[in-house]
Amino acid sequence: MKKCIIIGVGINITPARLALINSDVNDGDYIILVGVNSDALNELAEFARHVYQDFDVRIEPIVLNQGLSLIDTVASLRGLVEANSPCNVVIGIAGDRWITTVLSFLAMTLTTVGGFTNINVDRVFIMPSKKGEPVDWPIVPRLLT
């Protein structure tokens, strides 16, 4: 099954680059890069296109509108993932606090609704620094039971 890989991107793209590399990208995957800085997003998108040039992957950089509420931001990202279901989701969190918050809630939302939408959250991890190892979330809590 294809993966929807969501990577949070800060102004310094090095942690996001490492998160992407640690996401096990394969042919047919959909890579969504999210952040607030369009230059950083475009730089990471170019990096991804170069690294995965031999793969048939779709790469979509998305500048988050910080004027939107957390709920609206998460809902829009959820819609992108659901439009590409069925898929296994990998979320690599690298970036500032806003990106971390958005992606954390997205992970919980997708875990909550995944059984109804053919989405399985396979892995959520945080890329703590440009030299650190990814830190996997041991579980992804559901928002509702």
C-alpha atoms as a PDB file:
ATOM      1  CA  MET A   1       0.000   0.000   0.000  1.00  0.00           C
ATOM      2  CA  LYS A   2       1.240   3.475  -0.795  1.00  0.00           C
ATOM      3  CA  LYS A   3       2.327   5.854   1.922  1.00  0.00           C
ATOM      4  CA  CYS A   4       1.309   9.409   2.582  1.00  0.00           C
ATOM      5  CA  ILE A   5       4.435  10.923   4.091  1.00  0.00           C
ATOM      6  CA  ILE A   6       3.989  14.232   5.870  1.00  0.00           C
ATOM      7  CA  ILE A   7       7.107  16.165   6.855  1.00  0.00           C
ATOM      8  CA  GLY A   8       7.120  19.341   8.927  1.00  0.00           C
ATOM      9  CA  VAL A   9       9.641  21.885   7.698  1.00  0.00           C
ATOM     10  CA  GLY A  10      11.205  24.729   9.671  1.00  0.00           C
ATOM     11  CA  ILE A  11      13.391  27.545   8.364  1.00  0.00           C
ATOM     12  CA  ASN A  12      16.426  25.286   8.813  1.00  0.00           C
ATOM     13  CA  ILE A  13      15.591  22.365   6.524  1.00  0.00           C
ATOM     14  CA  THR A  14      18.316  19.996   7.775  1.00  0.00           C
ATOM     15  CA  PRO A  15      16.100  18.231  10.371  1.00  0.00           C
ATOM     16  CA  ALA A  16      13.287  17.949   7.786  1.00  0.00           C
ATOM     17  CA  ARG A  17      15.734  16.489   5.264  1.00  0.00           C
ATOM     18  CA  LEU A  18      16.732  13.858   7.818  1.00  0.00           C
ATOM     19  CA  ALA A  19      13.059  13.199   8.619  1.00  0.00           C
ATOM     20  CA  LEU A  20      12.344  12.646   4.928  1.00  0.00           C
ATOM     21  CA  ILE A  21      15.263  10.249   4.537  1.00  0.00           C
ATOM     22  CA  ASN A  22      14.068   8.346   7.644  1.00  0.00           C
ATOM     23  CA  SER A  23      10.557   7.961   6.157  1.00  0.00           C
ATOM     24  CA  ASP A  24      11.408   5.042   3.849  1.00  0.00           C
ATOM     25  CA  VAL A  25      10.055   6.595   0.636  1.00  0.00           C
ATOM     26  CA  ASN A  26       9.037   4.121  -2.071  1.00  0.00           C
ATOM     27  CA  ASP A  27       7.589   4.188  -5.582  1.00  0.00           C
ATOM     28  CA  GLY A  28       4.041   5.546  -5.636  1.00  0.00           C
ATOM     29  CA  ASP A  29       4.257   7.436  -2.333  1.00  0.00           C
ATOM     30  CA  TYR A  30       2.785  10.882  -1.770  1.00  0.00           C
ATOM     31  CA  ILE A  31       5.051  13.339   0.062  1.00  0.00           C
ATOM     32  CA  ILE A  32       3.449  16.365   1.701  1.00  0.00           C
ATOM     33  CA  LEU A  33       5.869  19.002   2.989  1.00  0.00           C
ATOM     34  CA  VAL A  34       4.295  21.483   5.407  1.00  0.00           C
ATOM     35  CA  GLY A  35       5.715  24.666   6.871  1.00  0.00           C
ATOM     36  CA  VAL A  36       5.297  28.415   7.063  1.00  0.00           C
ATOM     37  CA  ASN A  37       8.343  29.471   5.042  1.00  0.00           C
ATOM     38  CA  SER A  38       7.901  29.023   1.275  1.00  0.00           C
ATOM     39  CA  ASP A  39      11.648  29.277   0.564  1.00  0.00           C
ATOM     40  CA  ALA A  40      12.423  26.443   2.986  1.00  0.00           C
ATOM     41  CA  LEU A  41       9.575  24.345   1.583  1.00  0.00           C
ATOM     42  CA  ASN A  42      10.725  24.863  -2.006  1.00  0.00           C
ATOM     43  CA  GLU A  43      14.325  24.030  -1.064  1.00  0.00           C
ATOM     44  CA  LEU A  44      13.222  20.775   0.573  1.00  0.00           C
ATOM     45  CA  ALA A  45      10.943  19.940  -2.372  1.00  0.00           C
ATOM     46  CA  GLU A  46      13.906  20.347  -4.753  1.00  0.00           C
ATOM     47  CA  PHE A  47      16.026  18.135  -2.479  1.00  0.00           C
ATOM     48  CA  ALA A  48      13.266  15.467  -2.502  1.00  0.00           C
ATOM     49  CA  ARG A  49      12.867  15.630  -6.291  1.00  0.00           C
ATOM     50  CA  HIS A  50      16.608  15.116  -6.671  1.00  0.00           C
ATOM     51  CA  VAL A  51      16.930  12.287  -4.129  1.00  0.00           C
ATOM     52  CA  TYR A  52      13.836  10.431  -5.358  1.00  0.00           C
ATOM     53  CA  GLN A  53      14.195  11.217  -9.083  1.00  0.00           C
ATOM     54  CA  ASP A  54      14.111   7.514  -9.964  1.00  0.00           C
ATOM     55  CA  PHE A  55      10.840   6.999  -8.066  1.00  0.00           C
ATOM     56  CA  ASP A  56       7.317   7.797  -9.140  1.00  0.00           C
ATOM     57  CA  VAL A  57       6.465   9.987  -6.131  1.00  0.00           C
ATOM     58  CA  ARG A  58       4.266  13.036  -5.845  1.00  0.00           C
ATOM     59  CA  ILE A  59       5.795  15.894  -3.833  1.00  0.00           C
ATOM     60  CA  GLU A  60       3.587  18.723  -2.633  1.00  0.00           C
ATOM     61  CA  PRO A  61       4.932  21.668  -0.603  1.00  0.00           C
ATOM     62  CA  ILE A  62       2.179  23.373   1.390  1.00  0.00           C
ATOM     63  CA  VAL A  63       2.597  26.739   3.096  1.00  0.00           C
ATOM     64  CA  LEU A  64       0.421  26.748   6.190  1.00  0.00           C
ATOM     65  CA  ASN A  65      -1.623  29.882   6.777  1.00  0.00           C
ATOM     66  CA  GLN A  66      -0.866  30.883  10.360  1.00  0.00           C
ATOM     67  CA  GLY A  67      -4.024  32.986  10.354  1.00  0.00           C
ATOM     68  CA  LEU A  68      -6.147  29.819  10.270  1.00  0.00           C
ATOM     69  CA  SER A  69      -7.167  28.119  13.471  1.00  0.00           C
ATOM     70  CA  LEU A  70      -5.516  24.885  14.544  1.00  0.00           C
ATOM     71  CA  ILE A  71      -8.742  22.999  13.773  1.00  0.00           C
ATOM     72  CA  ASP A  72      -8.999  24.405  10.231  1.00  0.00           C
ATOM     73  CA  THR A  73      -5.322  23.738   9.538  1.00  0.00           C
ATOM     74  CA  VAL A  74      -5.552  20.123  10.720  1.00  0.00           C
ATOM     75  CA  ALA A  75      -8.814  19.647   8.794  1.00  0.00           C
ATOM     76  CA  SER A  76      -7.249  20.834   5.533  1.00  0.00           C
ATOM     77  CA  LEU A  77      -4.274  18.466   5.921  1.00  0.00           C
ATOM     78  CA  ARG A  78      -6.619  15.628   6.889  1.00  0.00           C
ATOM     79  CA  GLY A  79      -8.554  16.277   3.667  1.00  0.00           C
ATOM     80  CA  LEU A  80      -5.370  15.947   1.599  1.00  0.00           C
ATOM     81  CA  VAL A  81      -4.527  12.622   3.200  1.00  0.00           C
ATOM     82  CA  GLU A  82      -8.083  11.280   2.918  1.00  0.00           C
ATOM     83  CA  ALA A  83      -8.172  12.249  -0.774  1.00  0.00           C
ATOM     84  CA  ASN A  84      -5.249   9.846  -1.231  1.00  0.00           C
ATOM     85  CA  SER A  85      -6.591   6.923   0.779  1.00  0.00           C
ATOM     86  CA  PRO A  86      -6.136   4.083   1.132  1.00  0.00           C
ATOM     87  CA  CYS A  87      -2.687   4.810   2.480  1.00  0.00           C
ATOM     88  CA  ASN A  88      -0.337   4.222   5.361  1.00  0.00           C
ATOM     89  CA  VAL A  89       0.696   7.481   6.991  1.00  0.00           C
ATOM     90  CA  VAL A  90       4.166   8.443   8.182  1.00  0.00           C
ATOM     91  CA  ILE A  91       4.528  11.793   9.925  1.00  0.00           C
ATOM     92  CA  GLY A  92       7.990  13.252  10.487  1.00  0.00           C
ATOM     93  CA  ILE A  93       7.855  16.229  12.815  1.00  0.00           C
ATOM     94  CA  ALA A  94      10.641  18.744  12.258  1.00  0.00           C
ATOM     95  CA  GLY A  95      10.088  22.454  12.521  1.00  0.00           C
ATOM     96  CA  ASP A  96       8.863  25.088  14.913  1.00  0.00           C
ATOM     97  CA  ARG A  97       6.236  24.786  17.657  1.00  0.00           C
ATOM     98  CA  TRP A  98       3.314  25.631  15.372  1.00  0.00           C
ATOM     99  CA  ILE A  99       4.275  22.890  12.897  1.00  0.00           C
ATOM    100  CA  THR A 100       4.848  20.445  15.753  1.00  0.00           C
ATOM    101  CA  THR A 101       1.422  21.236  17.217  1.00  0.00           C
ATOM    102  CA  VAL A 102      -0.355  20.938  13.855  1.00  0.00           C
ATOM    103  CA  LEU A 103       1.293  17.618  12.974  1.00  0.00           C
ATOM    104  CA  SER A 104       0.731  16.207  16.466  1.00  0.00           C
ATOM    105  CA  PHE A 105      -2.990  16.922  16.234  1.00  0.00           C
ATOM    106  CA  LEU A 106      -3.059  15.631  12.657  1.00  0.00           C
ATOM    107  CA  ALA A 107      -1.563  12.333  13.846  1.00  0.00           C
ATOM    108  CA  MET A 108      -4.189  12.013  16.578  1.00  0.00           C
ATOM    109  CA  THR A 109      -7.004  12.970  14.184  1.00  0.00           C
ATOM    110  CA  LEU A 110      -5.944  10.462  11.522  1.00  0.00           C
ATOM    111  CA  THR A 111      -5.608   7.739  14.157  1.00  0.00           C
ATOM    112  CA  THR A 112      -9.104   8.539  15.393  1.00  0.00           C
ATOM    113  CA  VAL A 113     -10.812   8.461  11.963  1.00  0.00           C
ATOM    114  CA  GLY A 114      -8.446   6.114  10.138  1.00  0.00           C
ATOM    115  CA  GLY A 115     -10.617   3.024  10.508  1.00  0.00           C
ATOM    116  CA  PHE A 116     -13.433   4.808   8.708  1.00  0.00           C
ATOM    117  CA  THR A 117     -11.296   6.339   5.943  1.00  0.00           C
ATOM    118  CA  ASN A 118      -8.848   3.532   4.976  1.00  0.00           C
ATOM    119  CA  ILE A 119      -5.954   5.357   6.588  1.00  0.00           C
ATOM    120  CA  ASN A 120      -3.481   3.680   8.883  1.00  0.00           C
ATOM    121  CA  VAL A 121      -1.028   5.810  10.872  1.00  0.00           C
ATOM    122  CA  ASP A 122       2.085   3.629  10.693  1.00  0.00           C
ATOM    123  CA  ARG A 123       4.667   5.877  12.255  1.00  0.00           C
ATOM    124  CA  VAL A 124       4.982   9.276  13.889  1.00  0.00           C
ATOM    125  CA  PHE A 125       8.402  10.525  14.866  1.00  0.00           C
ATOM    126  CA  ILE A 126      10.154  13.689  15.899  1.00  0.00           C
ATOM    127  CA  MET A 127      13.449  14.759  14.377  1.00  0.00           C
ATOM    128  CA  PRO A 128      14.947  16.556  17.397  1.00  0.00           C
ATOM    129  CA  SER A 129      17.996  18.160  15.814  1.00  0.00           C
ATOM    130  CA  LYS A 130      20.162  18.130  12.753  1.00  0.00           C
ATOM    131  CA  LYS A 131      22.401  15.445  14.247  1.00  0.00           C
ATOM    132  CA  GLY A 132      19.938  13.477  16.357  1.00  0.00           C
ATOM    133  CA  GLU A 133      18.191  10.212  15.675  1.00  0.00           C
ATOM    134  CA  PRO A 134      14.435  10.176  15.085  1.00  0.00           C
ATOM    135  CA  VAL A 135      12.360   9.673  18.226  1.00  0.00           C
ATOM    136  CA  ASP A 136       9.332   7.477  17.508  1.00  0.00           C
ATOM    137  CA  TRP A 137       6.061   8.046  19.285  1.00  0.00           C
ATOM    138  CA  PRO A 138       5.378   4.730  21.056  1.00  0.00           C
ATOM    139  CA  ILE A 139       1.609   5.166  20.455  1.00  0.00           C
ATOM    140  CA  VAL A 140      -0.575   7.747  18.797  1.00  0.00           C
ATOM    141  CA  PRO A 141      -3.487   8.608  21.109  1.00  0.00           C
ATOM    142  CA  ARG A 142      -6.998   8.935  19.723  1.00  0.00           C
ATOM    143  CA  LEU A 143      -8.920  12.148  20.189  1.00  0.00           C
ATOM    144  CA  LEU A 144     -12.202  10.276  20.798  1.00  0.00           C
ATOM    145  CA  THR A 145     -13.043   6.749  21.837  1.00  0.00           C
END
